[in-house]
Amino acid sequence: MTGPAAIVRQFLEAFFRGDIEKASAMVSDDFSFRAALMQNTGDKRAYFAGAREKSRFTRAFRVLRQWEE
């Protein structure tokens, strides 16, 4: 399976298993992210700083629904 949905799943799998290098390589240098406790605008390094430690808090994840257009 290819396409945006597959790429998102690959990113999440890499991130949550602690493969931060792979996850980081999958996003552009100017990517932005917004969540309830975090906002990152255009700084990939800032987002991934400490990501390995943060990813250890998650034992598993599952995607309940995923749409792709």
N, C-alpha and C. Protein backbone atom coordinates (compact mmCIF):
# COMPACT_ATOMS: atom_id res chain seq x y z
N MET A 1 0.85 -1.18 0.00
CA MET A 1 0.00 0.00 0.00
C MET A 1 0.90 1.24 0.00
N THR A 2 0.58 2.18 -0.87
CA THR A 2 1.31 3.45 -0.92
C THR A 2 0.31 4.59 -0.82
N GLY A 3 0.82 5.77 -0.72
CA GLY A 3 -0.04 6.95 -0.63
C GLY A 3 0.10 7.60 0.74
N PRO A 4 -0.59 8.72 0.92
CA PRO A 4 -0.46 9.47 2.17
C PRO A 4 -0.78 8.66 3.43
N ALA A 5 -1.82 7.86 3.39
CA ALA A 5 -2.20 7.08 4.58
C ALA A 5 -1.09 6.10 4.96
N ALA A 6 -0.48 5.47 4.00
CA ALA A 6 0.61 4.52 4.28
C ALA A 6 1.83 5.25 4.84
N ILE A 7 2.10 6.43 4.33
CA ILE A 7 3.24 7.21 4.81
C ILE A 7 3.02 7.62 6.27
N VAL A 8 1.81 8.05 6.59
CA VAL A 8 1.50 8.43 7.98
C VAL A 8 1.68 7.22 8.89
N ARG A 9 1.19 6.07 8.49
CA ARG A 9 1.33 4.87 9.31
C ARG A 9 2.81 4.50 9.49
N GLN A 10 3.60 4.59 8.43
CA GLN A 10 5.04 4.30 8.52
C GLN A 10 5.73 5.26 9.47
N PHE A 11 5.35 6.53 9.42
CA PHE A 11 5.92 7.53 10.32
C PHE A 11 5.60 7.17 11.77
N LEU A 12 4.33 6.90 12.05
CA LEU A 12 3.92 6.58 13.42
C LEU A 12 4.61 5.32 13.93
N GLU A 13 4.70 4.31 13.09
CA GLU A 13 5.37 3.07 13.49
C GLU A 13 6.83 3.34 13.84
N ALA A 14 7.52 4.09 12.99
CA ALA A 14 8.93 4.40 13.25
C ALA A 14 9.07 5.23 14.52
N PHE A 15 8.26 6.26 14.68
CA PHE A 15 8.36 7.14 15.84
C PHE A 15 8.15 6.36 17.13
N PHE A 16 7.09 5.57 17.20
CA PHE A 16 6.75 4.91 18.45
C PHE A 16 7.59 3.68 18.76
N ARG A 17 8.36 3.20 17.79
CA ARG A 17 9.31 2.14 18.14
C ARG A 17 10.69 2.73 18.45
N GLY A 18 10.78 4.07 18.41
CA GLY A 18 12.01 4.75 18.78
C GLY A 18 12.98 4.97 17.65
N ASP A 19 12.56 4.71 16.40
CA ASP A 19 13.42 4.93 15.24
C ASP A 19 13.24 6.38 14.78
N ILE A 20 13.78 7.28 15.60
CA ILE A 20 13.59 8.71 15.38
C ILE A 20 14.27 9.18 14.10
N GLU A 21 15.39 8.58 13.76
CA GLU A 21 16.08 8.96 12.52
C GLU A 21 15.18 8.72 11.31
N LYS A 22 14.52 7.57 11.26
CA LYS A 22 13.63 7.26 10.14
C LYS A 22 12.43 8.21 10.14
N ALA A 23 11.82 8.40 11.31
CA ALA A 23 10.67 9.30 11.40
C ALA A 23 11.05 10.71 10.96
N SER A 24 12.20 11.18 11.41
CA SER A 24 12.66 12.51 11.06
C SER A 24 12.92 12.65 9.56
N ALA A 25 13.44 11.60 8.96
CA ALA A 25 13.72 11.63 7.53
C ALA A 25 12.45 11.68 6.69
N MET A 26 11.33 11.34 7.28
CA MET A 26 10.07 11.29 6.53
C MET A 26 9.34 12.63 6.48
N VAL A 27 9.81 13.64 7.19
CA VAL A 27 9.14 14.94 7.18
C VAL A 27 10.09 16.00 6.62
N SER A 28 9.50 17.05 6.06
CA SER A 28 10.32 18.12 5.48
C SER A 28 10.93 18.98 6.59
N ASP A 29 11.96 19.71 6.24
CA ASP A 29 12.65 20.55 7.21
C ASP A 29 11.75 21.65 7.76
N ASP A 30 10.75 22.08 6.99
CA ASP A 30 9.88 23.17 7.44
C ASP A 30 8.50 22.69 7.89
N PHE A 31 8.41 21.44 8.29
CA PHE A 31 7.11 20.91 8.68
C PHE A 31 6.62 21.56 9.97
N SER A 32 5.30 21.59 10.16
CA SER A 32 4.74 22.15 11.38
C SER A 32 3.78 21.15 12.00
N PHE A 33 3.56 21.30 13.28
CA PHE A 33 2.75 20.36 14.05
C PHE A 33 2.05 21.12 15.16
N ARG A 34 0.81 20.76 15.41
CA ARG A 34 0.07 21.39 16.50
C ARG A 34 -0.72 20.32 17.25
N ALA A 35 -0.60 20.35 18.55
CA ALA A 35 -1.35 19.45 19.44
C ALA A 35 -1.72 20.24 20.68
N ALA A 36 -2.50 19.62 21.54
CA ALA A 36 -2.97 20.32 22.74
C ALA A 36 -1.83 20.85 23.61
N LEU A 37 -0.78 20.09 23.77
CA LEU A 37 0.32 20.49 24.66
C LEU A 37 1.58 20.93 23.92
N MET A 38 1.51 21.00 22.61
CA MET A 38 2.73 21.33 21.86
C MET A 38 2.37 21.99 20.54
N GLN A 39 3.15 23.00 20.19
CA GLN A 39 3.01 23.62 18.88
C GLN A 39 4.40 23.81 18.32
N ASN A 40 4.58 23.40 17.08
CA ASN A 40 5.86 23.53 16.41
C ASN A 40 5.59 24.12 15.04
N THR A 41 6.26 25.17 14.71
CA THR A 41 6.06 25.80 13.41
C THR A 41 7.37 25.88 12.66
N GLY A 42 7.51 25.05 11.66
CA GLY A 42 8.64 25.14 10.74
C GLY A 42 10.00 24.81 11.30
N ASP A 43 10.08 24.03 12.36
CA ASP A 43 11.39 23.68 12.92
C ASP A 43 11.44 22.19 13.27
N LYS A 44 11.89 21.42 12.31
CA LYS A 44 11.97 19.97 12.45
C LYS A 44 12.85 19.57 13.62
N ARG A 45 13.99 20.24 13.79
CA ARG A 45 14.90 19.89 14.89
C ARG A 45 14.25 20.08 16.25
N ALA A 46 13.50 21.17 16.40
CA ALA A 46 12.83 21.42 17.68
C ALA A 46 11.80 20.34 17.99
N TYR A 47 11.07 19.92 16.97
CA TYR A 47 10.05 18.89 17.18
C TYR A 47 10.68 17.58 17.63
N PHE A 48 11.76 17.19 16.99
CA PHE A 48 12.37 15.89 17.29
C PHE A 48 13.35 15.92 18.46
N ALA A 49 13.63 17.11 18.99
CA ALA A 49 14.50 17.19 20.16
C ALA A 49 13.84 16.45 21.32
N GLY A 50 14.51 15.50 21.85
CA GLY A 50 13.97 14.71 22.95
C GLY A 50 12.92 13.70 22.54
N ALA A 51 12.74 13.49 21.26
CA ALA A 51 11.69 12.59 20.78
C ALA A 51 11.91 11.14 21.22
N ARG A 52 13.14 10.70 21.27
CA ARG A 52 13.41 9.32 21.68
C ARG A 52 12.88 9.07 23.09
N GLU A 53 13.13 10.02 23.99
CA GLU A 53 12.64 9.89 25.36
C GLU A 53 11.11 9.95 25.41
N LYS A 54 10.53 10.86 24.62
CA LYS A 54 9.07 10.98 24.59
C LYS A 54 8.42 9.73 24.03
N SER A 55 9.03 9.11 23.05
CA SER A 55 8.42 7.92 22.43
C SER A 55 8.37 6.75 23.39
N ARG A 56 9.18 6.76 24.43
CA ARG A 56 9.18 5.66 25.40
C ARG A 56 7.93 5.66 26.28
N PHE A 57 7.21 6.78 26.33
CA PHE A 57 5.99 6.83 27.12
C PHE A 57 4.84 6.05 26.49
N THR A 58 4.97 5.73 25.22
CA THR A 58 3.91 5.03 24.51
C THR A 58 4.31 3.58 24.31
N ARG A 59 3.51 2.70 24.84
CA ARG A 59 3.79 1.26 24.69
C ARG A 59 3.25 0.72 23.39
N ALA A 60 2.17 1.30 22.90
CA ALA A 60 1.55 0.84 21.66
C ALA A 60 0.64 1.95 21.14
N PHE A 61 0.28 1.83 19.91
CA PHE A 61 -0.72 2.73 19.33
C PHE A 61 -1.53 1.93 18.32
N ARG A 62 -2.71 2.41 18.06
CA ARG A 62 -3.51 1.79 17.01
C ARG A 62 -4.30 2.87 16.31
N VAL A 63 -4.47 2.69 15.04
CA VAL A 63 -5.22 3.62 14.23
C VAL A 63 -6.64 3.07 14.13
N LEU A 64 -7.60 3.83 14.61
CA LEU A 64 -8.98 3.37 14.59
C LEU A 64 -9.63 3.63 13.23
N ARG A 65 -9.38 4.79 12.68
CA ARG A 65 -9.91 5.12 11.36
C ARG A 65 -8.89 5.99 10.64
N GLN A 66 -8.79 5.75 9.36
CA GLN A 66 -7.87 6.55 8.57
C GLN A 66 -8.48 6.75 7.19
N TRP A 67 -8.55 8.00 6.77
CA TRP A 67 -9.12 8.31 5.47
C TRP A 67 -8.04 8.85 4.56
N GLU A 68 -8.22 8.60 3.29
CA GLU A 68 -7.29 9.11 2.30
C GLU A 68 -8.09 9.53 1.07
N GLU A 69 -7.80 10.69 0.57
CA GLU A 69 -8.47 11.17 -0.64
C GLU A 69 -7.51 11.17 -1.80
